[in-house]
């Protein structure tokens, strides 16, 4: 769903909500979590991206190259979107 439609808060980075009660992931880790659902090859790449030292370095590179956090405010459409049960 678009960031503007998030049901509970304004977002600063790309966010992955696992819908299983565990906390949301943000930034490069959110992209990696989404890649885990494609197939085993992408899942292995995603697991590598989520390693603690790798994720920090990659997030720093993304931030330095224009992917820094930006505030995305919610709109009225957020009230109409179905969300994961928590």
PDB file of N, CA and C in Angstrom:
ATOM      1  N   UNK A   1       0.842  -1.163   0.000  1.00  0.00           N
ATOM      2  CA  UNK A   1       0.000   0.000   0.000  1.00  0.00           C
ATOM      3  C   UNK A   1       0.894   1.236   0.000  1.00  0.00           C
ATOM      4  N   UNK A   2       0.445   2.347  -0.513  1.00  0.00           N
ATOM      5  CA  UNK A   2       1.244   3.575  -0.500  1.00  0.00           C
ATOM      6  C   UNK A   2       1.510   4.055   0.932  1.00  0.00           C
ATOM      7  N   UNK A   3       2.635   4.704   1.114  1.00  0.00           N
ATOM      8  CA  UNK A   3       3.012   5.201   2.442  1.00  0.00           C
ATOM      9  C   UNK A   3       1.979   6.186   2.980  1.00  0.00           C
ATOM     10  N   UNK A   4       1.355   6.925   2.097  1.00  0.00           N
ATOM     11  CA  UNK A   4       0.359   7.911   2.527  1.00  0.00           C
ATOM     12  C   UNK A   4      -0.863   7.253   3.147  1.00  0.00           C
ATOM     13  N   UNK A   5      -1.071   5.959   2.876  1.00  0.00           N
ATOM     14  CA  UNK A   5      -2.243   5.248   3.379  1.00  0.00           C
ATOM     15  C   UNK A   5      -1.963   4.451   4.630  1.00  0.00           C
ATOM     16  N   UNK A   6      -0.786   4.555   5.214  1.00  0.00           N
ATOM     17  CA  UNK A   6      -0.483   3.737   6.404  1.00  0.00           C
ATOM     18  C   UNK A   6      -1.520   4.017   7.486  1.00  0.00           C
ATOM     19  N   UNK A   7      -2.073   2.979   8.092  1.00  0.00           N
ATOM     20  CA  UNK A   7      -3.202   3.158   8.997  1.00  0.00           C
ATOM     21  C   UNK A   7      -2.881   3.786  10.342  1.00  0.00           C
ATOM     22  N   UNK A   8      -1.627   3.756  10.808  1.00  0.00           N
ATOM     23  CA  UNK A   8      -1.401   4.197  12.182  1.00  0.00           C
ATOM     24  C   UNK A   8      -0.362   5.300  12.371  1.00  0.00           C
ATOM     25  N   UNK A   9       0.493   5.565  11.386  1.00  0.00           N
ATOM     26  CA  UNK A   9       1.527   6.585  11.620  1.00  0.00           C
ATOM     27  C   UNK A   9       2.104   7.093  10.310  1.00  0.00           C
ATOM     28  N   UNK A  10       2.786   8.243  10.400  1.00  0.00           N
ATOM     29  CA  UNK A  10       3.536   8.763   9.264  1.00  0.00           C
ATOM     30  C   UNK A  10       4.822   7.951   9.143  1.00  0.00           C
ATOM     31  N   UNK A  11       5.283   7.750   7.922  1.00  0.00           N
ATOM     32  CA  UNK A  11       6.469   6.930   7.692  1.00  0.00           C
ATOM     33  C   UNK A  11       7.650   7.795   7.265  1.00  0.00           C
ATOM     34  N   UNK A  12       8.852   7.333   7.632  1.00  0.00           N
ATOM     35  CA  UNK A  12      10.093   8.018   7.272  1.00  0.00           C
ATOM     36  C   UNK A  12      10.881   7.264   6.213  1.00  0.00           C
ATOM     37  N   UNK A  13      10.772   5.957   6.183  1.00  0.00           N
ATOM     38  CA  UNK A  13      11.491   5.104   5.234  1.00  0.00           C
ATOM     39  C   UNK A  13      10.534   4.057   4.694  1.00  0.00           C
ATOM     40  N   UNK A  14      10.992   3.328   3.663  1.00  0.00           N
ATOM     41  CA  UNK A  14      10.225   2.178   3.204  1.00  0.00           C
ATOM     42  C   UNK A  14      10.053   1.244   4.396  1.00  0.00           C
ATOM     43  N   UNK A  15       8.852   0.732   4.572  1.00  0.00           N
ATOM     44  CA  UNK A  15       8.532  -0.056   5.762  1.00  0.00           C
ATOM     45  C   UNK A  15       7.888  -1.376   5.364  1.00  0.00           C
ATOM     46  N   UNK A  16       8.295  -2.456   6.043  1.00  0.00           N
ATOM     47  CA  UNK A  16       7.732  -3.786   5.824  1.00  0.00           C
ATOM     48  C   UNK A  16       7.025  -4.211   7.099  1.00  0.00           C
ATOM     49  N   UNK A  17       5.734  -4.490   6.982  1.00  0.00           N
ATOM     50  CA  UNK A  17       4.949  -4.975   8.114  1.00  0.00           C
ATOM     51  C   UNK A  17       4.719  -6.468   7.928  1.00  0.00           C
ATOM     52  N   UNK A  18       5.326  -7.322   8.759  1.00  0.00           N
ATOM     53  CA  UNK A  18       5.206  -8.765   8.566  1.00  0.00           C
ATOM     54  C   UNK A  18       3.824  -9.338   8.898  1.00  0.00           C
ATOM     55  N   UNK A  19       2.965  -8.588   9.544  1.00  0.00           N
ATOM     56  CA  UNK A  19       1.606  -9.031   9.893  1.00  0.00           C
ATOM     57  C   UNK A  19       1.588 -10.293  10.748  1.00  0.00           C
ATOM     58  N   UNK A  20       2.631 -10.512  11.527  1.00  0.00           N
ATOM     59  CA  UNK A  20       2.651 -11.676  12.411  1.00  0.00           C
ATOM     60  C   UNK A  20       2.913 -11.283  13.861  1.00  0.00           C
ATOM     61  N   UNK A  21       2.783 -10.004  14.160  1.00  0.00           N
ATOM     62  CA  UNK A  21       3.004  -9.535  15.519  1.00  0.00           C
ATOM     63  C   UNK A  21       4.415  -9.068  15.791  1.00  0.00           C
ATOM     64  N   UNK A  22       5.359  -9.400  14.923  1.00  0.00           N
ATOM     65  CA  UNK A  22       6.731  -8.923  15.121  1.00  0.00           C
ATOM     66  C   UNK A  22       6.831  -7.473  14.631  1.00  0.00           C
ATOM     67  N   UNK A  23       7.852  -6.757  15.078  1.00  0.00           N
ATOM     68  CA  UNK A  23       7.940  -5.331  14.741  1.00  0.00           C
ATOM     69  C   UNK A  23       8.173  -5.083  13.245  1.00  0.00           C
ATOM     70  N   UNK A  24       7.774  -3.894  12.797  1.00  0.00           N
ATOM     71  CA  UNK A  24       8.011  -3.483  11.424  1.00  0.00           C
ATOM     72  C   UNK A  24       9.504  -3.354  11.168  1.00  0.00           C
ATOM     73  N   UNK A  25       9.898  -3.555   9.920  1.00  0.00           N
ATOM     74  CA  UNK A  25      11.279  -3.347   9.494  1.00  0.00           C
ATOM     75  C   UNK A  25      11.299  -2.115   8.605  1.00  0.00           C
ATOM     76  N   UNK A  26      12.404  -1.382   8.630  1.00  0.00           N
ATOM     77  CA  UNK A  26      12.509  -0.177   7.822  1.00  0.00           C
ATOM     78  C   UNK A  26      13.810  -0.147   7.049  1.00  0.00           C
ATOM     79  N   UNK A  27      13.809   0.592   5.941  1.00  0.00           N
ATOM     80  CA  UNK A  27      15.010   0.784   5.155  1.00  0.00           C
ATOM     81  C   UNK A  27      15.397  -0.444   4.360  1.00  0.00           C
ATOM     82  N   UNK A  28      16.696  -0.689   4.269  1.00  0.00           N
ATOM     83  CA  UNK A  28      17.224  -1.792   3.464  1.00  0.00           C
ATOM     84  C   UNK A  28      16.736  -3.144   3.988  1.00  0.00           C
ATOM     85  N   UNK A  29      16.489  -3.236   5.284  1.00  0.00           N
ATOM     86  CA  UNK A  29      15.985  -4.489   5.860  1.00  0.00           C
ATOM     87  C   UNK A  29      14.550  -4.747   5.385  1.00  0.00           C
ATOM     88  N   UNK A  30      13.763  -3.694   5.196  1.00  0.00           N
ATOM     89  CA  UNK A  30      12.401  -3.864   4.683  1.00  0.00           C
ATOM     90  C   UNK A  30      12.426  -4.413   3.263  1.00  0.00           C
ATOM     91  N   UNK A  31      13.341  -3.920   2.447  1.00  0.00           N
ATOM     92  CA  UNK A  31      13.468  -4.435   1.083  1.00  0.00           C
ATOM     93  C   UNK A  31      13.887  -5.906   1.121  1.00  0.00           C
ATOM     94  N   UNK A  32      14.826  -6.224   1.993  1.00  0.00           N
ATOM     95  CA  UNK A  32      15.282  -7.613   2.116  1.00  0.00           C
ATOM     96  C   UNK A  32      14.146  -8.531   2.560  1.00  0.00           C
ATOM     97  N   UNK A  33      13.348  -8.078   3.505  1.00  0.00           N
ATOM     98  CA  UNK A  33      12.216  -8.914   3.961  1.00  0.00           C
ATOM     99  C   UNK A  33      11.235  -9.161   2.840  1.00  0.00           C
ATOM    100  N   UNK A  34      11.002  -8.178   1.976  1.00  0.00           N
ATOM    101  CA  UNK A  34      10.096  -8.370   0.845  1.00  0.00           C
ATOM    102  C   UNK A  34      10.698  -9.344  -0.170  1.00  0.00           C
ATOM    103  N   UNK A  35      12.013  -9.271  -0.385  1.00  0.00           N
ATOM    104  CA  UNK A  35      12.677 -10.172  -1.334  1.00  0.00           C
ATOM    105  C   UNK A  35      12.601 -11.630  -0.888  1.00  0.00           C
ATOM    106  N   UNK A  36      12.469 -11.874   0.403  1.00  0.00           N
ATOM    107  CA  UNK A  36      12.395 -13.245   0.910  1.00  0.00           C
ATOM    108  C   UNK A  36      11.191 -14.007   0.358  1.00  0.00           C
ATOM    109  N   UNK A  37      10.189 -13.295  -0.133  1.00  0.00           N
ATOM    110  CA  UNK A  37       8.961 -13.925  -0.613  1.00  0.00           C
ATOM    111  C   UNK A  37       8.992 -14.252  -2.103  1.00  0.00           C
ATOM    112  N   UNK A  38      10.047 -13.874  -2.818  1.00  0.00           N
ATOM    113  CA  UNK A  38      10.077 -14.076  -4.263  1.00  0.00           C
ATOM    114  C   UNK A  38      10.395 -15.537  -4.588  1.00  0.00           C
ATOM    115  N   UNK A  39      11.589 -15.981  -4.311  1.00  0.00           N
ATOM    116  CA  UNK A  39      11.968 -17.391  -4.428  1.00  0.00           C
ATOM    117  C   UNK A  39      13.280 -17.593  -3.690  1.00  0.00           C
ATOM    118  N   UNK A  40      13.766 -18.816  -3.638  1.00  0.00           N
ATOM    119  CA  UNK A  40      14.913 -19.148  -2.799  1.00  0.00           C
ATOM    120  C   UNK A  40      16.165 -18.342  -3.150  1.00  0.00           C
ATOM    121  N   UNK A  41      16.400 -18.102  -4.421  1.00  0.00           N
ATOM    122  CA  UNK A  41      17.572 -17.318  -4.816  1.00  0.00           C
ATOM    123  C   UNK A  41      17.547 -15.921  -4.231  1.00  0.00           C
ATOM    124  N   UNK A  42      16.411 -15.254  -4.359  1.00  0.00           N
ATOM    125  CA  UNK A  42      16.285 -13.903  -3.788  1.00  0.00           C
ATOM    126  C   UNK A  42      16.285 -13.958  -2.259  1.00  0.00           C
ATOM    127  N   UNK A  43      15.749 -15.014  -1.698  1.00  0.00           N
ATOM    128  CA  UNK A  43      15.746 -15.152  -0.236  1.00  0.00           C
ATOM    129  C   UNK A  43      17.165 -15.231   0.313  1.00  0.00           C
ATOM    130  N   UNK A  44      18.037 -15.954  -0.378  1.00  0.00           N
ATOM    131  CA  UNK A  44      19.430 -16.047   0.068  1.00  0.00           C
ATOM    132  C   UNK A  44      20.100 -14.673   0.009  1.00  0.00           C
ATOM    133  N   UNK A  45      19.848 -13.932  -1.064  1.00  0.00           N
ATOM    134  CA  UNK A  45      20.376 -12.566  -1.155  1.00  0.00           C
ATOM    135  C   UNK A  45      19.815 -11.712  -0.020  1.00  0.00           C
ATOM    136  N   UNK A  46      18.523 -11.857   0.262  1.00  0.00           N
ATOM    137  CA  UNK A  46      17.894 -11.077   1.331  1.00  0.00           C
ATOM    138  C   UNK A  46      18.491 -11.414   2.690  1.00  0.00           C
ATOM    139  N   UNK A  47      18.761 -12.686   2.936  1.00  0.00           N
ATOM    140  CA  UNK A  47      19.366 -13.071   4.222  1.00  0.00           C
ATOM    141  C   UNK A  47      20.729 -12.424   4.369  1.00  0.00           C
ATOM    142  N   UNK A  48      21.470 -12.340   3.264  1.00  0.00           N
ATOM    143  CA  UNK A  48      22.780 -11.687   3.295  1.00  0.00           C
ATOM    144  C   UNK A  48      22.620 -10.196   3.590  1.00  0.00           C
ATOM    145  N   UNK A  49      21.635  -9.561   2.973  1.00  0.00           N
ATOM    146  CA  UNK A  49      21.398  -8.132   3.214  1.00  0.00           C
ATOM    147  C   UNK A  49      21.031  -7.847   4.666  1.00  0.00           C
ATOM    148  N   UNK A  50      20.397  -8.803   5.331  1.00  0.00           N
ATOM    149  CA  UNK A  50      19.941  -8.590   6.705  1.00  0.00           C
ATOM    150  C   UNK A  50      21.011  -8.859   7.758  1.00  0.00           C
ATOM    151  N   UNK A  51      22.184  -9.319   7.345  1.00  0.00           N
ATOM    152  CA  UNK A  51      23.261  -9.546   8.317  1.00  0.00           C
ATOM    153  C   UNK A  51      23.648  -8.208   8.950  1.00  0.00           C
ATOM    154  N   UNK A  52      23.915  -8.184  10.271  1.00  0.00           N
ATOM    155  CA  UNK A  52      24.107  -6.919  10.979  1.00  0.00           C
ATOM    156  C   UNK A  52      25.136  -5.963  10.360  1.00  0.00           C
ATOM    157  N   UNK A  53      26.312  -6.406  10.043  1.00  0.00           N
ATOM    158  CA  UNK A  53      27.315  -5.497   9.490  1.00  0.00           C
ATOM    159  C   UNK A  53      26.949  -5.066   8.075  1.00  0.00           C
ATOM    160  N   UNK A  54      26.434  -5.989   7.281  1.00  0.00           N
ATOM    161  CA  UNK A  54      26.061  -5.692   5.900  1.00  0.00           C
ATOM    162  C   UNK A  54      24.922  -4.682   5.859  1.00  0.00           C
ATOM    163  N   UNK A  55      23.900  -4.887   6.700  1.00  0.00           N
ATOM    164  CA  UNK A  55      22.750  -3.979   6.664  1.00  0.00           C
ATOM    165  C   UNK A  55      23.137  -2.556   7.032  1.00  0.00           C
ATOM    166  N   UNK A  56      24.034  -2.396   7.995  1.00  0.00           N
ATOM    167  CA  UNK A  56      24.474  -1.056   8.380  1.00  0.00           C
ATOM    168  C   UNK A  56      25.226  -0.342   7.272  1.00  0.00           C
ATOM    169  N   UNK A  57      26.143  -1.057   6.628  1.00  0.00           N
ATOM    170  CA  UNK A  57      26.924  -0.468   5.538  1.00  0.00           C
ATOM    171  C   UNK A  57      26.017  -0.129   4.352  1.00  0.00           C
ATOM    172  N   UNK A  58      25.123  -1.050   3.980  1.00  0.00           N
ATOM    173  CA  UNK A  58      24.223  -0.785   2.854  1.00  0.00           C
ATOM    174  C   UNK A  58      23.274   0.372   3.138  1.00  0.00           C
ATOM    175  N   UNK A  59      22.752   0.450   4.367  1.00  0.00           N
ATOM    176  CA  UNK A  59      21.852   1.552   4.696  1.00  0.00           C
ATOM    177  C   UNK A  59      22.596   2.881   4.632  1.00  0.00           C
ATOM    178  N   UNK A  60      23.845   2.890   5.079  1.00  0.00           N
ATOM    179  CA  UNK A  60      24.669   4.103   4.994  1.00  0.00           C
ATOM    180  C   UNK A  60      24.871   4.510   3.534  1.00  0.00           C
ATOM    181  N   UNK A  61      25.160   3.548   2.651  1.00  0.00           N
ATOM    182  CA  UNK A  61      25.332   3.848   1.230  1.00  0.00           C
ATOM    183  C   UNK A  61      24.042   4.370   0.602  1.00  0.00           C
ATOM    184  N   UNK A  62      22.914   3.756   0.943  1.00  0.00           N
ATOM    185  CA  UNK A  62      21.623   4.217   0.416  1.00  0.00           C
ATOM    186  C   UNK A  62      21.332   5.630   0.900  1.00  0.00           C
ATOM    187  N   UNK A  63      21.557   5.899   2.177  1.00  0.00           N
ATOM    188  CA  UNK A  63      21.318   7.238   2.721  1.00  0.00           C
ATOM    189  C   UNK A  63      22.213   8.276   2.051  1.00  0.00           C
ATOM    190  N   UNK A  64      23.459   7.918   1.801  1.00  0.00           N
ATOM    191  CA  UNK A  64      24.412   8.854   1.204  1.00  0.00           C
ATOM    192  C   UNK A  64      24.110   9.118  -0.273  1.00  0.00           C
ATOM    193  N   UNK A  65      23.426   8.199  -0.933  1.00  0.00           N
ATOM    194  CA  UNK A  65      23.164   8.365  -2.362  1.00  0.00           C
ATOM    195  C   UNK A  65      21.745   8.862  -2.663  1.00  0.00           C
ATOM    196  N   UNK A  66      21.083   9.434  -1.686  1.00  0.00           N
ATOM    197  CA  UNK A  66      19.778  10.050  -1.922  1.00  0.00           C
ATOM    198  C   UNK A  66      18.596   9.309  -1.340  1.00  0.00           C
ATOM    199  N   UNK A  67      18.821   8.201  -0.676  1.00  0.00           N
ATOM    200  CA  UNK A  67      17.716   7.440  -0.100  1.00  0.00           C
ATOM    201  C   UNK A  67      17.520   7.720   1.379  1.00  0.00           C
ATOM    202  N   UNK A  68      17.898   8.920   1.810  1.00  0.00           N
ATOM    203  CA  UNK A  68      17.778   9.262   3.231  1.00  0.00           C
ATOM    204  C   UNK A  68      16.320   9.295   3.671  1.00  0.00           C
ATOM    205  N   UNK A  69      16.072   9.267   4.973  1.00  0.00           N
ATOM    206  CA  UNK A  69      14.688   9.292   5.467  1.00  0.00           C
ATOM    207  C   UNK A  69      13.963  10.568   5.045  1.00  0.00           C
ATOM    208  N   UNK A  70      12.717  10.402   4.637  1.00  0.00           N
ATOM    209  CA  UNK A  70      11.858  11.536   4.277  1.00  0.00           C
ATOM    210  C   UNK A  70      10.493  11.303   4.906  1.00  0.00           C
ATOM    211  N   UNK A  71       9.943  12.320   5.490  1.00  0.00           N
ATOM    212  CA  UNK A  71       8.636  12.190   6.132  1.00  0.00           C
ATOM    213  C   UNK A  71       7.539  12.138   5.078  1.00  0.00           C
ATOM    214  N   UNK A  72       6.729  11.085   5.137  1.00  0.00           N
ATOM    215  CA  UNK A  72       5.555  10.939   4.276  1.00  0.00           C
ATOM    216  C   UNK A  72       4.331  11.008   5.178  1.00  0.00           C
ATOM    217  N   UNK A  73       3.558  12.077   5.038  1.00  0.00           N
ATOM    218  CA  UNK A  73       2.379  12.268   5.884  1.00  0.00           C
ATOM    219  C   UNK A  73       1.217  11.430   5.374  1.00  0.00           C
ATOM    220  N   UNK A  74       0.410  10.949   6.307  1.00  0.00           N
ATOM    221  CA  UNK A  74      -0.782  10.169   5.964  1.00  0.00           C
ATOM    222  C   UNK A  74      -1.856  11.074   5.379  1.00  0.00           C
ATOM    223  N   UNK A  75      -2.726  10.480   4.548  1.00  0.00           N
ATOM    224  CA  UNK A  75      -3.860  11.206   3.990  1.00  0.00           C
ATOM    225  C   UNK A  75      -5.154  10.590   4.512  1.00  0.00           C
ATOM    226  N   UNK A  76      -6.258  11.138   4.130  1.00  0.00           N
ATOM    227  CA  UNK A  76      -7.551  10.642   4.581  1.00  0.00           C
ATOM    228  C   UNK A  76      -7.861   9.242   4.097  1.00  0.00           C
ATOM    229  N   UNK A  77      -7.223   8.809   3.007  1.00  0.00           N
ATOM    230  CA  UNK A  77      -7.485   7.468   2.473  1.00  0.00           C
ATOM    231  C   UNK A  77      -7.021   6.384   3.433  1.00  0.00           C
ATOM    232  N   UNK A  78      -6.186   6.735   4.393  1.00  0.00           N
ATOM    233  CA  UNK A  78      -5.669   5.748   5.340  1.00  0.00           C
ATOM    234  C   UNK A  78      -6.783   5.123   6.169  1.00  0.00           C
ATOM    235  N   UNK A  79      -7.868   5.814   6.339  1.00  0.00           N
ATOM    236  CA  UNK A  79      -8.956   5.311   7.167  1.00  0.00           C
ATOM    237  C   UNK A  79      -9.732   4.195   6.475  1.00  0.00           C
ATOM    238  N   UNK A  80      -9.619   4.087   5.141  1.00  0.00           N
ATOM    239  CA  UNK A  80     -10.415   3.123   4.388  1.00  0.00           C
ATOM    240  C   UNK A  80      -9.671   1.837   4.075  1.00  0.00           C
ATOM    241  N   UNK A  81      -8.387   1.735   4.424  1.00  0.00           N
ATOM    242  CA  UNK A  81      -7.552   0.593   4.036  1.00  0.00           C
ATOM    243  C   UNK A  81      -7.645  -0.512   5.075  1.00  0.00           C
ATOM    244  N   UNK A  82      -7.837  -1.756   4.600  1.00  0.00           N
ATOM    245  CA  UNK A  82      -7.813  -2.899   5.515  1.00  0.00           C
ATOM    246  C   UNK A  82      -6.377  -3.193   5.912  1.00  0.00           C
ATOM    247  N   UNK A  83      -6.140  -3.512   7.170  1.00  0.00           N
ATOM    248  CA  UNK A  83      -4.798  -3.762   7.650  1.00  0.00           C
ATOM    249  C   UNK A  83      -4.688  -5.171   8.231  1.00  0.00           C
ATOM    250  N   UNK A  84      -3.490  -5.534   8.569  1.00  0.00           N
ATOM    251  CA  UNK A  84      -3.254  -6.823   9.209  1.00  0.00           C
ATOM    252  C   UNK A  84      -3.781  -6.786  10.633  1.00  0.00           C
ATOM    253  N   UNK A  85      -4.364  -7.862  11.103  1.00  0.00           N
ATOM    254  CA  UNK A  85      -4.805  -7.886  12.505  1.00  0.00           C
ATOM    255  C   UNK A  85      -3.608  -7.907  13.427  1.00  0.00           C
ATOM    256  N   UNK A  86      -3.665  -7.154  14.479  1.00  0.00           N
ATOM    257  CA  UNK A  86      -2.552  -7.104  15.440  1.00  0.00           C
ATOM    258  C   UNK A  86      -3.024  -7.591  16.778  1.00  0.00           C
TER     259      UNK A  86
END
